[in-house]
Amino acid sequence: MQQPSPDQIMHLVAAVLSLYLFLFVIILVAIIVPTWFICKKAGFSPWLSFIVIVPFGGLVLLYVLAFADWKVIPAPQAYWPQPPYPPAPMPPA
């Protein structure tokens, strides 16, 4: 069996590293986008979602969101009218 040349090894390493970089970016987007919307809906700056990039930053953000007063007004409860009562039985004729 023939040994791979150093040039082939460098190409293989470059391909694997580019694949890892691509997967890392996809994972970051999959984490940052939901936290962006959660922070925005909670009334905080959506830019706080980038704290999840820092190690243990997601845990810190989770505690901030869990124990902070959210600056949003709760939506009014939907009003469901009661169904009409069944008609009274007719008296016998």
N, C-alpha and C. Protein backbone atom coordinates (compact mmCIF):
# COMPACT_ATOMS: atom_id res chain seq x y z
N MET A 1 0.84 -1.17 0.00
CA MET A 1 0.00 0.00 0.00
C MET A 1 0.89 1.24 0.00
N GLN A 2 0.46 2.21 -0.78
CA GLN A 2 1.26 3.42 -0.94
C GLN A 2 0.94 4.44 0.15
N GLN A 3 1.97 5.09 0.67
CA GLN A 3 1.79 6.11 1.68
C GLN A 3 1.24 7.38 1.02
N PRO A 4 0.28 8.05 1.69
CA PRO A 4 -0.21 9.31 1.11
C PRO A 4 0.86 10.40 1.21
N SER A 5 0.88 11.22 0.20
CA SER A 5 1.87 12.30 0.19
C SER A 5 1.44 13.40 1.16
N PRO A 6 2.39 14.21 1.61
CA PRO A 6 2.02 15.32 2.51
C PRO A 6 1.01 16.28 1.88
N ASP A 7 1.06 16.42 0.56
CA ASP A 7 0.11 17.29 -0.12
C ASP A 7 -1.31 16.72 -0.01
N GLN A 8 -1.45 15.40 -0.18
CA GLN A 8 -2.77 14.76 -0.04
C GLN A 8 -3.29 14.88 1.40
N ILE A 9 -2.41 14.74 2.35
CA ILE A 9 -2.81 14.85 3.76
C ILE A 9 -3.29 16.28 4.06
N MET A 10 -2.58 17.28 3.53
CA MET A 10 -3.00 18.67 3.75
C MET A 10 -4.38 18.93 3.13
N HIS A 11 -4.64 18.37 1.95
CA HIS A 11 -5.95 18.54 1.32
C HIS A 11 -7.05 17.86 2.14
N LEU A 12 -6.76 16.70 2.68
CA LEU A 12 -7.72 15.99 3.50
C LEU A 12 -8.01 16.76 4.79
N VAL A 13 -6.98 17.28 5.43
CA VAL A 13 -7.16 18.06 6.65
C VAL A 13 -7.96 19.33 6.37
N ALA A 14 -7.69 19.99 5.25
CA ALA A 14 -8.43 21.20 4.88
C ALA A 14 -9.91 20.87 4.64
N ALA A 15 -10.18 19.74 4.01
CA ALA A 15 -11.56 19.35 3.75
C ALA A 15 -12.29 19.05 5.06
N VAL A 16 -11.64 18.33 5.96
CA VAL A 16 -12.28 17.99 7.24
C VAL A 16 -12.50 19.25 8.08
N LEU A 17 -11.52 20.14 8.11
CA LEU A 17 -11.68 21.38 8.88
C LEU A 17 -12.79 22.26 8.32
N SER A 18 -12.91 22.32 6.99
CA SER A 18 -13.99 23.12 6.40
C SER A 18 -15.34 22.50 6.73
N LEU A 19 -15.42 21.19 6.78
CA LEU A 19 -16.67 20.52 7.16
C LEU A 19 -17.01 20.82 8.62
N TYR A 20 -16.02 20.77 9.49
CA TYR A 20 -16.24 21.10 10.91
C TYR A 20 -16.68 22.55 11.08
N LEU A 21 -16.07 23.46 10.35
CA LEU A 21 -16.44 24.87 10.43
C LEU A 21 -17.88 25.07 9.96
N PHE A 22 -18.26 24.41 8.88
CA PHE A 22 -19.62 24.50 8.36
C PHE A 22 -20.62 23.97 9.39
N LEU A 23 -20.35 22.83 9.99
CA LEU A 23 -21.24 22.27 11.01
C LEU A 23 -21.30 23.16 12.25
N PHE A 24 -20.18 23.77 12.63
CA PHE A 24 -20.15 24.66 13.78
C PHE A 24 -21.03 25.88 13.54
N VAL A 25 -20.98 26.45 12.36
CA VAL A 25 -21.81 27.61 12.03
C VAL A 25 -23.28 27.23 12.04
N ILE A 26 -23.62 26.06 11.51
CA ILE A 26 -25.02 25.62 11.50
C ILE A 26 -25.53 25.41 12.93
N ILE A 27 -24.71 24.83 13.78
CA ILE A 27 -25.12 24.61 15.17
C ILE A 27 -25.28 25.95 15.90
N LEU A 28 -24.38 26.89 15.66
CA LEU A 28 -24.51 28.21 16.27
C LEU A 28 -25.80 28.90 15.84
N VAL A 29 -26.11 28.84 14.56
CA VAL A 29 -27.35 29.45 14.07
C VAL A 29 -28.56 28.77 14.69
N ALA A 30 -28.51 27.45 14.81
CA ALA A 30 -29.64 26.71 15.39
C ALA A 30 -29.83 27.04 16.87
N ILE A 31 -28.81 27.53 17.54
CA ILE A 31 -28.93 27.90 18.95
C ILE A 31 -29.26 29.38 19.11
N ILE A 32 -28.63 30.24 18.30
CA ILE A 32 -28.79 31.68 18.46
C ILE A 32 -30.16 32.16 18.00
N VAL A 33 -30.69 31.62 16.92
CA VAL A 33 -31.98 32.10 16.39
C VAL A 33 -33.12 31.91 17.40
N PRO A 34 -33.30 30.73 18.01
CA PRO A 34 -34.38 30.63 19.00
C PRO A 34 -34.16 31.52 20.23
N THR A 35 -32.91 31.63 20.69
CA THR A 35 -32.69 32.49 21.85
C THR A 35 -32.90 33.96 21.49
N TRP A 36 -32.67 34.32 20.24
CA TRP A 36 -32.95 35.68 19.77
C TRP A 36 -34.44 35.99 19.93
N PHE A 37 -35.30 35.07 19.47
CA PHE A 37 -36.74 35.28 19.57
C PHE A 37 -37.23 35.23 21.02
N ILE A 38 -36.64 34.37 21.83
CA ILE A 38 -37.04 34.29 23.23
C ILE A 38 -36.70 35.59 23.94
N CYS A 39 -35.50 36.11 23.73
CA CYS A 39 -35.11 37.38 24.37
C CYS A 39 -36.00 38.52 23.90
N LYS A 40 -36.33 38.53 22.61
CA LYS A 40 -37.17 39.59 22.07
C LYS A 40 -38.57 39.53 22.65
N LYS A 41 -39.14 38.32 22.77
CA LYS A 41 -40.48 38.17 23.32
C LYS A 41 -40.52 38.45 24.81
N ALA A 42 -39.39 38.25 25.50
CA ALA A 42 -39.34 38.51 26.93
C ALA A 42 -39.12 39.99 27.24
N GLY A 43 -38.87 40.80 26.21
CA GLY A 43 -38.67 42.22 26.43
C GLY A 43 -37.22 42.60 26.64
N PHE A 44 -36.31 41.68 26.45
CA PHE A 44 -34.89 41.96 26.58
C PHE A 44 -34.30 42.25 25.21
N SER A 45 -33.07 42.75 25.20
CA SER A 45 -32.39 42.98 23.93
C SER A 45 -32.10 41.63 23.27
N PRO A 46 -32.47 41.49 22.00
CA PRO A 46 -32.18 40.21 21.32
C PRO A 46 -30.69 39.92 21.20
N TRP A 47 -29.86 40.95 21.32
CA TRP A 47 -28.42 40.75 21.22
C TRP A 47 -27.88 39.93 22.38
N LEU A 48 -28.67 39.77 23.44
CA LEU A 48 -28.24 38.90 24.55
C LEU A 48 -28.10 37.45 24.11
N SER A 49 -28.73 37.10 22.99
CA SER A 49 -28.66 35.71 22.53
C SER A 49 -27.24 35.31 22.14
N PHE A 50 -26.39 36.27 21.85
CA PHE A 50 -25.01 35.95 21.48
C PHE A 50 -24.16 35.54 22.68
N ILE A 51 -24.72 35.66 23.88
CA ILE A 51 -23.98 35.22 25.06
C ILE A 51 -23.84 33.69 25.09
N VAL A 52 -24.66 32.98 24.32
CA VAL A 52 -24.57 31.52 24.31
C VAL A 52 -23.29 31.04 23.63
N ILE A 53 -22.59 31.93 22.94
CA ILE A 53 -21.32 31.54 22.30
C ILE A 53 -20.25 31.31 23.36
N VAL A 54 -20.33 32.07 24.44
CA VAL A 54 -19.35 31.96 25.53
C VAL A 54 -19.65 30.68 26.32
N PRO A 55 -18.62 29.95 26.74
CA PRO A 55 -18.89 28.77 27.57
C PRO A 55 -19.69 29.13 28.81
N PHE A 56 -20.69 28.36 29.11
CA PHE A 56 -21.64 28.55 30.20
C PHE A 56 -22.49 29.82 30.04
N GLY A 57 -22.39 30.48 28.91
CA GLY A 57 -23.20 31.67 28.66
C GLY A 57 -24.67 31.33 28.51
N GLY A 58 -24.96 30.17 27.92
CA GLY A 58 -26.35 29.75 27.78
C GLY A 58 -26.99 29.49 29.13
N LEU A 59 -26.22 28.96 30.05
CA LEU A 59 -26.73 28.73 31.40
C LEU A 59 -27.00 30.05 32.10
N VAL A 60 -26.11 31.01 31.93
CA VAL A 60 -26.31 32.33 32.52
C VAL A 60 -27.55 32.99 31.93
N LEU A 61 -27.72 32.90 30.62
CA LEU A 61 -28.90 33.49 29.97
C LEU A 61 -30.17 32.80 30.43
N LEU A 62 -30.11 31.51 30.63
CA LEU A 62 -31.27 30.78 31.13
C LEU A 62 -31.68 31.28 32.51
N TYR A 63 -30.72 31.50 33.40
CA TYR A 63 -31.03 32.01 34.72
C TYR A 63 -31.54 33.46 34.67
N VAL A 64 -30.97 34.26 33.78
CA VAL A 64 -31.45 35.64 33.63
C VAL A 64 -32.90 35.63 33.18
N LEU A 65 -33.22 34.81 32.20
CA LEU A 65 -34.60 34.76 31.70
C LEU A 65 -35.56 34.17 32.72
N ALA A 66 -35.09 33.22 33.51
CA ALA A 66 -35.97 32.55 34.46
C ALA A 66 -36.33 33.43 35.64
N PHE A 67 -35.40 34.22 36.13
CA PHE A 67 -35.63 34.96 37.37
C PHE A 67 -35.82 36.47 37.18
N ALA A 68 -35.80 36.96 35.96
CA ALA A 68 -36.00 38.39 35.72
C ALA A 68 -37.48 38.69 35.53
N ASP A 69 -37.84 39.93 35.76
CA ASP A 69 -39.20 40.37 35.47
C ASP A 69 -39.29 40.66 33.98
N TRP A 70 -40.18 39.96 33.30
CA TRP A 70 -40.33 40.16 31.87
C TRP A 70 -41.09 41.45 31.63
N LYS A 71 -40.66 42.23 30.68
CA LYS A 71 -41.24 43.54 30.42
C LYS A 71 -42.34 43.47 29.36
N VAL A 72 -43.14 42.46 29.40
CA VAL A 72 -44.22 42.33 28.42
C VAL A 72 -45.55 42.33 29.13
N ILE A 73 -46.57 42.73 28.41
CA ILE A 73 -47.92 42.73 28.96
C ILE A 73 -48.57 41.42 28.54
N PRO A 74 -49.13 40.67 29.47
CA PRO A 74 -49.76 39.41 29.08
C PRO A 74 -50.95 39.66 28.16
N ALA A 75 -51.13 38.79 27.23
CA ALA A 75 -52.24 38.91 26.29
C ALA A 75 -53.55 38.64 27.02
N PRO A 76 -54.59 39.36 26.65
CA PRO A 76 -55.89 39.10 27.30
C PRO A 76 -56.39 37.71 26.94
N GLN A 77 -57.09 37.13 27.88
CA GLN A 77 -57.61 35.79 27.65
C GLN A 77 -58.72 35.85 26.61
N ALA A 78 -58.76 34.88 25.79
CA ALA A 78 -59.79 34.84 24.75
C ALA A 78 -61.15 34.60 25.39
N TYR A 79 -62.15 35.27 24.88
CA TYR A 79 -63.50 35.13 25.41
C TYR A 79 -64.23 34.11 24.55
N TRP A 80 -64.70 33.07 25.19
CA TRP A 80 -65.48 32.05 24.50
C TRP A 80 -66.91 32.15 25.00
N PRO A 81 -67.84 32.55 24.14
CA PRO A 81 -69.24 32.63 24.60
C PRO A 81 -69.78 31.25 24.90
N GLN A 82 -70.66 31.22 25.88
CA GLN A 82 -71.27 29.93 26.24
C GLN A 82 -72.22 29.51 25.14
N PRO A 83 -72.32 28.24 24.91
CA PRO A 83 -73.28 27.78 23.89
C PRO A 83 -74.70 28.08 24.34
N PRO A 84 -75.60 28.30 23.41
CA PRO A 84 -76.98 28.60 23.81
C PRO A 84 -77.60 27.40 24.53
N TYR A 85 -78.50 27.74 25.44
CA TYR A 85 -79.18 26.68 26.18
C TYR A 85 -80.09 25.91 25.23
N PRO A 86 -80.30 24.64 25.50
CA PRO A 86 -81.23 23.89 24.63
C PRO A 86 -82.65 24.43 24.83
N PRO A 87 -83.45 24.37 23.81
CA PRO A 87 -84.82 24.90 23.93
C PRO A 87 -85.61 24.12 24.98
N ALA A 88 -86.54 24.83 25.60
CA ALA A 88 -87.38 24.19 26.62
C ALA A 88 -88.27 23.16 25.96
N PRO A 89 -88.55 22.08 26.65
CA PRO A 89 -89.43 21.06 26.05
C PRO A 89 -90.83 21.62 25.85
N MET A 90 -91.42 21.19 24.79
CA MET A 90 -92.79 21.64 24.46
C MET A 90 -93.79 20.91 25.37
N PRO A 91 -94.79 21.66 25.88
CA PRO A 91 -95.82 20.97 26.70
C PRO A 91 -96.67 20.06 25.84
N PRO A 92 -97.16 18.96 26.43
CA PRO A 92 -97.98 18.05 25.62
C PRO A 92 -99.28 18.75 25.17
N ALA A 93 -99.66 18.46 23.97
CA ALA A 93 -100.87 19.09 23.43
C ALA A 93 -102.13 18.36 23.77
